[in-house]
PDB file of N, CA and C in Angstrom:
ATOM      1  N   UNK A   1     104.435  78.160 120.965  1.00  0.00           N
ATOM      2  CA  UNK A   1     105.841  78.310 120.666  1.00  0.00           C
ATOM      3  C   UNK A   1     106.604  78.194 121.987  1.00  0.00           C
ATOM      4  N   UNK A   2     107.634  77.377 121.980  1.00  0.00           N
ATOM      5  CA  UNK A   2     108.416  77.189 123.194  1.00  0.00           C
ATOM      6  C   UNK A   2     109.308  78.397 123.441  1.00  0.00           C
ATOM      7  N   UNK A   3     109.851  78.449 124.637  1.00  0.00           N
ATOM      8  CA  UNK A   3     110.730  79.560 125.013  1.00  0.00           C
ATOM      9  C   UNK A   3     111.985  79.573 124.133  1.00  0.00           C
ATOM     10  N   UNK A   4     112.493  78.415 123.798  1.00  0.00           N
ATOM     11  CA  UNK A   4     113.687  78.319 122.951  1.00  0.00           C
ATOM     12  C   UNK A   4     113.379  78.825 121.542  1.00  0.00           C
ATOM     13  N   UNK A   5     112.222  78.429 121.015  1.00  0.00           N
ATOM     14  CA  UNK A   5     111.841  78.885 119.672  1.00  0.00           C
ATOM     15  C   UNK A   5     111.647  80.397 119.653  1.00  0.00           C
ATOM     16  N   UNK A   6     111.026  80.940 120.686  1.00  0.00           N
ATOM     17  CA  UNK A   6     110.805  82.382 120.761  1.00  0.00           C
ATOM     18  C   UNK A   6     112.136  83.125 120.827  1.00  0.00           C
ATOM     19  N   UNK A   7     113.058  82.606 121.629  1.00  0.00           N
ATOM     20  CA  UNK A   7     114.378  83.235 121.740  1.00  0.00           C
ATOM     21  C   UNK A   7     115.123  83.151 120.410  1.00  0.00           C
ATOM     22  N   UNK A   8     115.047  82.004 119.764  1.00  0.00           N
ATOM     23  CA  UNK A   8     115.713  81.835 118.470  1.00  0.00           C
ATOM     24  C   UNK A   8     115.130  82.789 117.433  1.00  0.00           C
ATOM     25  N   UNK A   9     113.823  82.957 117.435  1.00  0.00           N
ATOM     26  CA  UNK A   9     113.171  83.878 116.501  1.00  0.00           C
ATOM     27  C   UNK A   9     113.629  85.306 116.746  1.00  0.00           C
ATOM     28  N   UNK A  10     113.710  85.686 118.023  1.00  0.00           N
ATOM     29  CA  UNK A  10     114.163  87.030 118.373  1.00  0.00           C
ATOM     30  C   UNK A  10     115.605  87.259 117.937  1.00  0.00           C
ATOM     31  N   UNK A  11     116.464  86.276 118.163  1.00  0.00           N
ATOM     32  CA  UNK A  11     117.870  86.392 117.774  1.00  0.00           C
ATOM     33  C   UNK A  11     117.998  86.533 116.260  1.00  0.00           C
ATOM     34  N   UNK A  12     117.251  85.742 115.515  1.00  0.00           N
ATOM     35  CA  UNK A  12     117.289  85.821 114.045  1.00  0.00           C
ATOM     36  C   UNK A  12     116.812  87.194 113.582  1.00  0.00           C
ATOM     37  N   UNK A  13     115.759  87.705 114.196  1.00  0.00           N
ATOM     38  CA  UNK A  13     115.239  89.019 113.815  1.00  0.00           C
ATOM     39  C   UNK A  13     116.259  90.117 114.089  1.00  0.00           C
ATOM     40  N   UNK A  14     116.904  90.079 115.243  1.00  0.00           N
ATOM     41  CA  UNK A  14     117.905  91.085 115.597  1.00  0.00           C
ATOM     42  C   UNK A  14     119.110  91.003 114.667  1.00  0.00           C
ATOM     43  N   UNK A  15     119.562  89.789 114.384  1.00  0.00           N
ATOM     44  CA  UNK A  15     120.698  89.635 113.477  1.00  0.00           C
ATOM     45  C   UNK A  15     120.349  90.106 112.070  1.00  0.00           C
ATOM     46  N   UNK A  16     119.145  89.835 111.631  1.00  0.00           N
ATOM     47  CA  UNK A  16     118.710  90.303 110.313  1.00  0.00           C
ATOM     48  C   UNK A  16     118.679  91.814 110.244  1.00  0.00           C
ATOM     49  N   UNK A  17     118.191  92.448 111.298  1.00  0.00           N
ATOM     50  CA  UNK A  17     118.139  93.907 111.337  1.00  0.00           C
ATOM     51  C   UNK A  17     119.535  94.498 111.376  1.00  0.00           C
ATOM     52  N   UNK A  18     120.423  93.919 112.184  1.00  0.00           N
ATOM     53  CA  UNK A  18     121.770  94.461 112.278  1.00  0.00           C
ATOM     54  C   UNK A  18     122.527  94.269 110.970  1.00  0.00           C
ATOM     55  N   UNK A  19     122.253  93.199 110.250  1.00  0.00           N
ATOM     56  CA  UNK A  19     122.910  92.993 108.959  1.00  0.00           C
ATOM     57  C   UNK A  19     122.446  94.046 107.961  1.00  0.00           C
ATOM     58  N   UNK A  20     121.165  94.393 108.010  1.00  0.00           N
ATOM     59  CA  UNK A  20     120.638  95.429 107.126  1.00  0.00           C
ATOM     60  C   UNK A  20     121.284  96.765 107.439  1.00  0.00           C
ATOM     61  N   UNK A  21     121.410  97.080 108.715  1.00  0.00           N
ATOM     62  CA  UNK A  21     122.018  98.346 109.109  1.00  0.00           C
ATOM     63  C   UNK A  21     123.507  98.377 108.781  1.00  0.00           C
ATOM     64  N   UNK A  22     124.165  97.230 108.828  1.00  0.00           N
ATOM     65  CA  UNK A  22     125.599  97.195 108.546  1.00  0.00           C
ATOM     66  C   UNK A  22     125.895  97.559 107.100  1.00  0.00           C
ATOM     67  N   UNK A  23     124.975  97.279 106.190  1.00  0.00           N
ATOM     68  CA  UNK A  23     125.202  97.577 104.789  1.00  0.00           C
ATOM     69  C   UNK A  23     124.685  98.956 104.381  1.00  0.00           C
ATOM     70  N   UNK A  24     124.153  99.709 105.316  1.00  0.00           N
ATOM     71  CA  UNK A  24     123.627 101.032 105.001  1.00  0.00           C
ATOM     72  C   UNK A  24     124.777 101.972 104.667  1.00  0.00           C
ATOM     73  N   UNK A  25     124.566 102.784 103.631  1.00  0.00           N
ATOM     74  CA  UNK A  25     125.571 103.753 103.241  1.00  0.00           C
ATOM     75  C   UNK A  25     125.440 105.029 104.046  1.00  0.00           C
ATOM     76  N   UNK A  26     126.294 105.999 103.766  1.00  0.00           N
ATOM     77  CA  UNK A  26     126.294 107.238 104.541  1.00  0.00           C
ATOM     78  C   UNK A  26     125.051 108.096 104.353  1.00  0.00           C
ATOM     79  N   UNK A  27     124.309 107.897 103.281  1.00  0.00           N
ATOM     80  CA  UNK A  27     123.113 108.715 103.012  1.00  0.00           C
ATOM     81  C   UNK A  27     121.824 107.910 103.064  1.00  0.00           C
ATOM     82  N   UNK A  28     121.894 106.652 103.437  1.00  0.00           N
ATOM     83  CA  UNK A  28     120.722 105.782 103.389  1.00  0.00           C
ATOM     84  C   UNK A  28     119.546 106.361 104.158  1.00  0.00           C
ATOM     85  N   UNK A  29     119.782 106.820 105.376  1.00  0.00           N
ATOM     86  CA  UNK A  29     118.698 107.367 106.200  1.00  0.00           C
ATOM     87  C   UNK A  29     118.132 108.640 105.577  1.00  0.00           C
ATOM     88  N   UNK A  30     118.997 109.506 105.049  1.00  0.00           N
ATOM     89  CA  UNK A  30     118.531 110.752 104.427  1.00  0.00           C
ATOM     90  C   UNK A  30     117.687 110.464 103.185  1.00  0.00           C
ATOM     91  N   UNK A  31     118.118 109.500 102.394  1.00  0.00           N
ATOM     92  CA  UNK A  31     117.363 109.124 101.193  1.00  0.00           C
ATOM     93  C   UNK A  31     115.999 108.566 101.592  1.00  0.00           C
ATOM     94  N   UNK A  32     115.987 107.692 102.587  1.00  0.00           N
ATOM     95  CA  UNK A  32     114.718 107.105 103.046  1.00  0.00           C
ATOM     96  C   UNK A  32     113.780 108.179 103.583  1.00  0.00           C
ATOM     97  N   UNK A  33     114.312 109.129 104.333  1.00  0.00           N
ATOM     98  CA  UNK A  33     113.486 110.215 104.870  1.00  0.00           C
ATOM     99  C   UNK A  33     112.907 111.078 103.758  1.00  0.00           C
ATOM    100  N   UNK A  34     113.711 111.381 102.750  1.00  0.00           N
ATOM    101  CA  UNK A  34     113.254 112.198 101.634  1.00  0.00           C
ATOM    102  C   UNK A  34     112.171 111.464 100.843  1.00  0.00           C
ATOM    103  N   UNK A  35     112.377 110.183 100.588  1.00  0.00           N
ATOM    104  CA  UNK A  35     111.372 109.402  99.869  1.00  0.00           C
ATOM    105  C   UNK A  35     110.076 109.303 100.663  1.00  0.00           C
ATOM    106  N   UNK A  36     110.176 109.178 101.991  1.00  0.00           N
ATOM    107  CA  UNK A  36     108.976 109.136 102.831  1.00  0.00           C
ATOM    108  C   UNK A  36     108.246 110.475 102.779  1.00  0.00           C
ATOM    109  N   UNK A  37     108.987 111.576 102.792  1.00  0.00           N
ATOM    110  CA  UNK A  37     108.374 112.899 102.710  1.00  0.00           C
ATOM    111  C   UNK A  37     107.663 113.086 101.374  1.00  0.00           C
ATOM    112  N   UNK A  38     108.249 112.560 100.306  1.00  0.00           N
ATOM    113  CA  UNK A  38     107.606 112.643  98.987  1.00  0.00           C
ATOM    114  C   UNK A  38     106.291 111.870  98.999  1.00  0.00           C
ATOM    115  N   UNK A  39     106.320 110.663  99.552  1.00  0.00           N
ATOM    116  CA  UNK A  39     105.089 109.861  99.625  1.00  0.00           C
ATOM    117  C   UNK A  39     104.019 110.567 100.455  1.00  0.00           C
ATOM    118  N   UNK A  40     104.418 111.188 101.551  1.00  0.00           N
ATOM    119  CA  UNK A  40     103.465 111.880 102.412  1.00  0.00           C
ATOM    120  C   UNK A  40     102.888 113.131 101.753  1.00  0.00           C
ATOM    121  N   UNK A  41     103.598 113.707 100.807  1.00  0.00           N
ATOM    122  CA  UNK A  41     103.138 114.931 100.150  1.00  0.00           C
ATOM    123  C   UNK A  41     102.260 114.646  98.931  1.00  0.00           C
ATOM    124  N   UNK A  42     101.912 113.393  98.714  1.00  0.00           N
ATOM    125  CA  UNK A  42     101.163 113.004  97.512  1.00  0.00           C
ATOM    126  C   UNK A  42      99.846 113.759  97.358  1.00  0.00           C
ATOM    127  N   UNK A  43      99.171 114.068  98.443  1.00  0.00           N
ATOM    128  CA  UNK A  43      97.882 114.761  98.364  1.00  0.00           C
ATOM    129  C   UNK A  43      98.007 116.273  98.468  1.00  0.00           C
ATOM    130  N   UNK A  44      99.213 116.772  98.540  1.00  0.00           N
ATOM    131  CA  UNK A  44      99.429 118.212  98.642  1.00  0.00           C
ATOM    132  C   UNK A  44      99.565 118.790  97.233  1.00  0.00           C
ATOM    133  N   UNK A  45      98.609 119.613  96.798  1.00  0.00           N
ATOM    134  CA  UNK A  45      98.675 120.155  95.437  1.00  0.00           C
ATOM    135  C   UNK A  45      99.837 121.121  95.224  1.00  0.00           C
ATOM    136  N   UNK A  46     100.424 121.621  96.311  1.00  0.00           N
ATOM    137  CA  UNK A  46     101.548 122.551  96.198  1.00  0.00           C
ATOM    138  C   UNK A  46     102.893 121.821  96.135  1.00  0.00           C
ATOM    139  N   UNK A  47     102.889 120.528  96.361  1.00  0.00           N
ATOM    140  CA  UNK A  47     104.123 119.742  96.348  1.00  0.00           C
ATOM    141  C   UNK A  47     104.324 119.121  94.976  1.00  0.00           C
ATOM    142  N   UNK A  48     105.574 118.910  94.621  1.00  0.00           N
ATOM    143  CA  UNK A  48     105.880 118.234  93.370  1.00  0.00           C
ATOM    144  C   UNK A  48     107.157 118.743  92.740  1.00  0.00           C
ATOM    145  N   UNK A  49     107.433 118.205  91.571  1.00  0.00           N
ATOM    146  CA  UNK A  49     108.633 118.592  90.842  1.00  0.00           C
ATOM    147  C   UNK A  49     108.494 120.001  90.293  1.00  0.00           C
ATOM    148  N   UNK A  50     109.606 120.703  90.249  1.00  0.00           N
ATOM    149  CA  UNK A  50     109.604 122.045  89.675  1.00  0.00           C
ATOM    150  C   UNK A  50     110.906 122.281  88.922  1.00  0.00           C
ATOM    151  N   UNK A  51     110.834 123.191  87.982  1.00  0.00           N
ATOM    152  CA  UNK A  51     112.008 123.570  87.201  1.00  0.00           C
ATOM    153  C   UNK A  51     112.042 125.085  87.104  1.00  0.00           C
ATOM    154  N   UNK A  52     113.199 125.656  86.829  1.00  0.00           N
ATOM    155  CA  UNK A  52     113.270 127.102  86.653  1.00  0.00           C
ATOM    156  C   UNK A  52     112.430 127.548  85.454  1.00  0.00           C
ATOM    157  N   UNK A  53     111.975 128.769  85.505  1.00  0.00           N
ATOM    158  CA  UNK A  53     111.197 129.319  84.399  1.00  0.00           C
ATOM    159  C   UNK A  53     112.066 129.387  83.148  1.00  0.00           C
ATOM    160  N   UNK A  54     111.496 128.983  82.031  1.00  0.00           N
ATOM    161  CA  UNK A  54     112.257 128.979  80.778  1.00  0.00           C
ATOM    162  C   UNK A  54     112.333 130.383  80.188  1.00  0.00           C
ATOM    163  N   UNK A  55     113.267 130.573  79.285  1.00  0.00           N
ATOM    164  CA  UNK A  55     113.394 131.857  78.599  1.00  0.00           C
ATOM    165  C   UNK A  55     112.161 132.117  77.749  1.00  0.00           C
ATOM    166  N   UNK A  56     111.626 131.069  77.143  1.00  0.00           N
ATOM    167  CA  UNK A  56     110.416 131.215  76.340  1.00  0.00           C
ATOM    168  C   UNK A  56     109.266 131.780  77.155  1.00  0.00           C
ATOM    169  N   UNK A  57     109.143 131.351  78.407  1.00  0.00           N
ATOM    170  CA  UNK A  57     108.076 131.861  79.271  1.00  0.00           C
ATOM    171  C   UNK A  57     108.304 133.332  79.595  1.00  0.00           C
ATOM    172  N   UNK A  58     109.547 133.747  79.622  1.00  0.00           N
ATOM    173  CA  UNK A  58     109.859 135.142  79.916  1.00  0.00           C
ATOM    174  C   UNK A  58     109.635 136.043  78.706  1.00  0.00           C
ATOM    175  N   UNK A  59     109.506 135.448  77.527  1.00  0.00           N
ATOM    176  CA  UNK A  59     109.317 136.217  76.298  1.00  0.00           C
ATOM    177  C   UNK A  59     107.847 136.238  75.863  1.00  0.00           C
ATOM    178  N   UNK A  60     106.943 136.060  76.811  1.00  0.00           N
ATOM    179  CA  UNK A  60     105.507 136.116  76.554  1.00  0.00           C
ATOM    180  C   UNK A  60     105.017 135.004  75.631  1.00  0.00           C
ATOM    181  N   UNK A  61     105.683 133.883  75.640  1.00  0.00           N
ATOM    182  CA  UNK A  61     105.216 132.731  74.860  1.00  0.00           C
ATOM    183  C   UNK A  61     104.415 131.829  75.769  1.00  0.00           C
ATOM    184  N   UNK A  62     103.242 131.454  75.335  1.00  0.00           N
ATOM    185  CA  UNK A  62     102.401 130.571  76.123  1.00  0.00           C
ATOM    186  C   UNK A  62     102.808 129.116  75.866  1.00  0.00           C
ATOM    187  N   UNK A  63     102.898 128.315  76.927  1.00  0.00           N
ATOM    188  CA  UNK A  63     103.234 126.900  76.720  1.00  0.00           C
ATOM    189  C   UNK A  63     102.055 126.161  76.096  1.00  0.00           C
ATOM    190  N   UNK A  64     102.385 125.195  75.287  1.00  0.00           N
ATOM    191  CA  UNK A  64     101.343 124.340  74.711  1.00  0.00           C
ATOM    192  C   UNK A  64     101.179 123.109  75.594  1.00  0.00           C
ATOM    193  N   UNK A  65     100.113 122.389  75.391  1.00  0.00           N
ATOM    194  CA  UNK A  65      99.893 121.155  76.142  1.00  0.00           C
ATOM    195  C   UNK A  65     101.045 120.188  75.877  1.00  0.00           C
ATOM    196  N   UNK A  66     101.460 120.111  74.637  1.00  0.00           N
ATOM    197  CA  UNK A  66     102.551 119.194  74.272  1.00  0.00           C
ATOM    198  C   UNK A  66     103.870 119.616  74.915  1.00  0.00           C
ATOM    199  N   UNK A  67     104.155 120.915  74.928  1.00  0.00           N
ATOM    200  CA  UNK A  67     105.421 121.366  75.515  1.00  0.00           C
ATOM    201  C   UNK A  67     105.431 121.168  77.032  1.00  0.00           C
ATOM    202  N   UNK A  68     104.273 121.343  77.669  1.00  0.00           N
ATOM    203  CA  UNK A  68     104.179 121.106  79.117  1.00  0.00           C
ATOM    204  C   UNK A  68     104.373 119.617  79.433  1.00  0.00           C
ATOM    205  N   UNK A  69     103.761 118.769  78.628  1.00  0.00           N
ATOM    206  CA  UNK A  69     103.910 117.331  78.831  1.00  0.00           C
ATOM    207  C   UNK A  69     105.367 116.913  78.632  1.00  0.00           C
ATOM    208  N   UNK A  70     105.992 117.439  77.596  1.00  0.00           N
ATOM    209  CA  UNK A  70     107.387 117.116  77.312  1.00  0.00           C
ATOM    210  C   UNK A  70     108.294 117.569  78.461  1.00  0.00           C
ATOM    211  N   UNK A  71     108.058 118.758  78.979  1.00  0.00           N
ATOM    212  CA  UNK A  71     108.872 119.273  80.075  1.00  0.00           C
ATOM    213  C   UNK A  71     108.654 118.446  81.345  1.00  0.00           C
ATOM    214  N   UNK A  72     107.420 118.060  81.616  1.00  0.00           N
ATOM    215  CA  UNK A  72     107.140 117.227  82.794  1.00  0.00           C
ATOM    216  C   UNK A  72     107.845 115.882  82.698  1.00  0.00           C
ATOM    217  N   UNK A  73     107.836 115.289  81.524  1.00  0.00           N
ATOM    218  CA  UNK A  73     108.522 114.010  81.330  1.00  0.00           C
ATOM    219  C   UNK A  73     110.027 114.168  81.496  1.00  0.00           C
ATOM    220  N   UNK A  74     110.580 115.240  80.968  1.00  0.00           N
ATOM    221  CA  UNK A  74     112.011 115.507  81.109  1.00  0.00           C
ATOM    222  C   UNK A  74     112.384 115.693  82.578  1.00  0.00           C
ATOM    223  N   UNK A  75     111.560 116.435  83.284  1.00  0.00           N
ATOM    224  CA  UNK A  75     111.824 116.689  84.695  1.00  0.00           C
ATOM    225  C   UNK A  75     111.722 115.404  85.522  1.00  0.00           C
ATOM    226  N   UNK A  76     110.724 114.577  85.255  1.00  0.00           N
ATOM    227  CA  UNK A  76     110.588 113.291  85.958  1.00  0.00           C
ATOM    228  C   UNK A  76     111.809 112.410  85.700  1.00  0.00           C
ATOM    229  N   UNK A  77     112.236 112.371  84.456  1.00  0.00           N
ATOM    230  CA  UNK A  77     113.400 111.563  84.093  1.00  0.00           C
ATOM    231  C   UNK A  77     114.654 112.070  84.799  1.00  0.00           C
ATOM    232  N   UNK A  78     114.827 113.371  84.825  1.00  0.00           N
ATOM    233  CA  UNK A  78     115.995 113.969  85.476  1.00  0.00           C
ATOM    234  C   UNK A  78     115.964 113.686  86.981  1.00  0.00           C
ATOM    235  N   UNK A  79     114.802 113.808  87.597  1.00  0.00           N
ATOM    236  CA  UNK A  79     114.671 113.544  89.027  1.00  0.00           C
ATOM    237  C   UNK A  79     114.974 112.075  89.330  1.00  0.00           C
ATOM    238  N   UNK A  80     114.413 111.183  88.534  1.00  0.00           N
ATOM    239  CA  UNK A  80     114.625 109.748  88.736  1.00  0.00           C
ATOM    240  C   UNK A  80     116.106 109.401  88.607  1.00  0.00           C
ATOM    241  N   UNK A  81     116.768 109.957  87.611  1.00  0.00           N
ATOM    242  CA  UNK A  81     118.192 109.641  87.435  1.00  0.00           C
ATOM    243  C   UNK A  81     119.036 110.257  88.550  1.00  0.00           C
ATOM    244  N   UNK A  82     118.643 111.414  89.060  1.00  0.00           N
ATOM    245  CA  UNK A  82     119.380 112.038  90.165  1.00  0.00           C
ATOM    246  C   UNK A  82     119.238 111.209  91.439  1.00  0.00           C
ATOM    247  N   UNK A  83     118.025 110.712  91.706  1.00  0.00           N
ATOM    248  CA  UNK A  83     117.830 109.863  92.882  1.00  0.00           C
ATOM    249  C   UNK A  83     118.588 108.538  92.723  1.00  0.00           C
ATOM    250  N   UNK A  84     118.595 107.987  91.526  1.00  0.00           N
ATOM    251  CA  UNK A  84     119.333 106.741  91.281  1.00  0.00           C
ATOM    252  C   UNK A  84     120.827 106.968  91.493  1.00  0.00           C
ATOM    253  N   UNK A  85     121.303 108.127  91.071  1.00  0.00           N
ATOM    254  CA  UNK A  85     122.721 108.461  91.262  1.00  0.00           C
ATOM    255  C   UNK A  85     123.038 108.565  92.752  1.00  0.00           C
ATOM    256  N   UNK A  86     122.164 109.219  93.515  1.00  0.00           N
ATOM    257  CA  UNK A  86     122.376 109.330  94.960  1.00  0.00           C
ATOM    258  C   UNK A  86     122.439 107.953  95.603  1.00  0.00           C
ATOM    259  N   UNK A  87     121.549 107.059  95.209  1.00  0.00           N
ATOM    260  CA  UNK A  87     121.531 105.709  95.774  1.00  0.00           C
ATOM    261  C   UNK A  87     122.784 104.922  95.368  1.00  0.00           C
ATOM    262  N   UNK A  88     123.210 105.102  94.123  1.00  0.00           N
ATOM    263  CA  UNK A  88     124.404 104.399  93.647  1.00  0.00           C
ATOM    264  C   UNK A  88     125.639 104.875  94.428  1.00  0.00           C
ATOM    265  N   UNK A  89     125.770 106.186  94.615  1.00  0.00           N
ATOM    266  CA  UNK A  89     126.905 106.730  95.359  1.00  0.00           C
ATOM    267  C   UNK A  89     126.827 106.334  96.834  1.00  0.00           C
ATOM    268  N   UNK A  90     125.616 106.237  97.361  1.00  0.00           N
ATOM    269  CA  UNK A  90     125.430 105.800  98.737  1.00  0.00           C
ATOM    270  C   UNK A  90     125.935 104.371  98.909  1.00  0.00           C
ATOM    271  N   UNK A  91     125.609 103.503  97.952  1.00  0.00           N
ATOM    272  CA  UNK A  91     126.081 102.110  98.022  1.00  0.00           C
ATOM    273  C   UNK A  91     127.596 102.032  97.987  1.00  0.00           C
ATOM    274  N   UNK A  92     128.217 102.948  97.251  1.00  0.00           N
ATOM    275  CA  UNK A  92     129.684 102.965  97.162  1.00  0.00           C
ATOM    276  C   UNK A  92     130.336 103.572  98.407  1.00  0.00           C
ATOM    277  N   UNK A  93     129.519 104.207  99.260  1.00  0.00           N
ATOM    278  CA  UNK A  93     130.068 104.842 100.455  1.00  0.00           C
ATOM    279  C   UNK A  93     130.588 106.243 100.200  1.00  0.00           C
ATOM    280  N   UNK A  94     130.223 106.842  99.087  1.00  0.00           N
ATOM    281  CA  UNK A  94     130.677 108.188  98.721  1.00  0.00           C
ATOM    282  C   UNK A  94     129.744 109.225  99.349  1.00  0.00           C
ATOM    283  N   UNK A  95     130.085 109.657 100.563  1.00  0.00           N
ATOM    284  CA  UNK A  95     129.229 110.594 101.296  1.00  0.00           C
ATOM    285  C   UNK A  95     129.068 111.924 100.572  1.00  0.00           C
ATOM    286  N   UNK A  96     130.152 112.500 100.094  1.00  0.00           N
ATOM    287  CA  UNK A  96     130.079 113.807  99.429  1.00  0.00           C
ATOM    288  C   UNK A  96     129.258 113.733  98.142  1.00  0.00           C
ATOM    289  N   UNK A  97     129.501 112.723  97.332  1.00  0.00           N
ATOM    290  CA  UNK A  97     128.764 112.570  96.082  1.00  0.00           C
ATOM    291  C   UNK A  97     127.295 112.298  96.318  1.00  0.00           C
ATOM    292  N   UNK A  98     127.016 111.439  97.275  1.00  0.00           N
ATOM    293  CA  UNK A  98     125.630 111.096  97.606  1.00  0.00           C
ATOM    294  C   UNK A  98     124.894 112.323  98.127  1.00  0.00           C
ATOM    295  N   UNK A  99     125.518 113.058  99.037  1.00  0.00           N
ATOM    296  CA  UNK A  99     124.881 114.259  99.597  1.00  0.00           C
ATOM    297  C   UNK A  99     124.618 115.289  98.508  1.00  0.00           C
ATOM    298  N   UNK A 100     125.562 115.434  97.605  1.00  0.00           N
ATOM    299  CA  UNK A 100     125.400 116.386  96.508  1.00  0.00           C
ATOM    300  C   UNK A 100     124.238 115.999  95.592  1.00  0.00           C
ATOM    301  N   UNK A 101     124.163 114.727  95.242  1.00  0.00           N
ATOM    302  CA  UNK A 101     123.073 114.261  94.373  1.00  0.00           C
ATOM    303  C   UNK A 101     121.726 114.367  95.080  1.00  0.00           C
ATOM    304  N   UNK A 102     121.688 114.030  96.358  1.00  0.00           N
ATOM    305  CA  UNK A 102     120.438 114.130  97.110  1.00  0.00           C
ATOM    306  C   UNK A 102     119.999 115.585  97.245  1.00  0.00           C
ATOM    307  N   UNK A 103     120.941 116.489  97.471  1.00  0.00           N
ATOM    308  CA  UNK A 103     120.607 117.917  97.535  1.00  0.00           C
ATOM    309  C   UNK A 103     120.044 118.406  96.206  1.00  0.00           C
ATOM    310  N   UNK A 104     120.612 117.933  95.105  1.00  0.00           N
ATOM    311  CA  UNK A 104     120.103 118.311  93.776  1.00  0.00           C
ATOM    312  C   UNK A 104     118.672 117.818  93.596  1.00  0.00           C
ATOM    313  N   UNK A 105     118.396 116.606  94.047  1.00  0.00           N
ATOM    314  CA  UNK A 105     117.033 116.058  93.951  1.00  0.00           C
ATOM    315  C   UNK A 105     116.072 116.865  94.817  1.00  0.00           C
ATOM    316  N   UNK A 106     116.525 117.255  95.995  1.00  0.00           N
ATOM    317  CA  UNK A 106     115.677 118.048  96.893  1.00  0.00           C
ATOM    318  C   UNK A 106     115.358 119.424  96.294  1.00  0.00           C
ATOM    319  N   UNK A 107     116.286 119.977  95.545  1.00  0.00           N
ATOM    320  CA  UNK A 107     116.016 121.271  94.881  1.00  0.00           C
ATOM    321  C   UNK A 107     114.994 121.135  93.763  1.00  0.00           C
ATOM    322  N   UNK A 108     114.842 119.930  93.223  1.00  0.00           N
ATOM    323  CA  UNK A 108     113.873 119.699  92.147  1.00  0.00           C
ATOM    324  C   UNK A 108     112.466 119.454  92.677  1.00  0.00           C
ATOM    325  N   UNK A 109     112.345 119.119  93.940  1.00  0.00           N
ATOM    326  CA  UNK A 109     111.051 118.704  94.480  1.00  0.00           C
ATOM    327  C   UNK A 109     110.632 119.625  95.622  1.00  0.00           C
ATOM    328  N   UNK A 110     109.497 120.269  95.474  1.00  0.00           N
ATOM    329  CA  UNK A 110     108.948 121.133  96.523  1.00  0.00           C
ATOM    330  C   UNK A 110     108.073 120.265  97.426  1.00  0.00           C
ATOM    331  N   UNK A 111     108.338 120.314  98.713  1.00  0.00           N
ATOM    332  CA  UNK A 111     107.526 119.549  99.687  1.00  0.00           C
ATOM    333  C   UNK A 111     106.535 120.454 100.364  1.00  0.00           C
TER     334      UNK A 111
END
């Protein structure tokens, strides 16, 4: 590769990176960090989604396999939609809304 080609490649790479950073929203880095932390916690049995204890659990009712599965699916869906909302607000540049949605997602997930 000639010196000119190497320089041109470097310039294209830098411009591509700066264009990516220019479109980043106010929460982009926080969202990326949180998603990376979730991926890193994959082998941690203490990490994962959580929800408040239900009233039924407080009344000495034992959960069934079906009710646990249903609750896990509901929680996954809620978490996914909360993260999607944070990303959508981030794209719009809504710092307060994005931070609020990301904080809600963080409260759902124990790291």
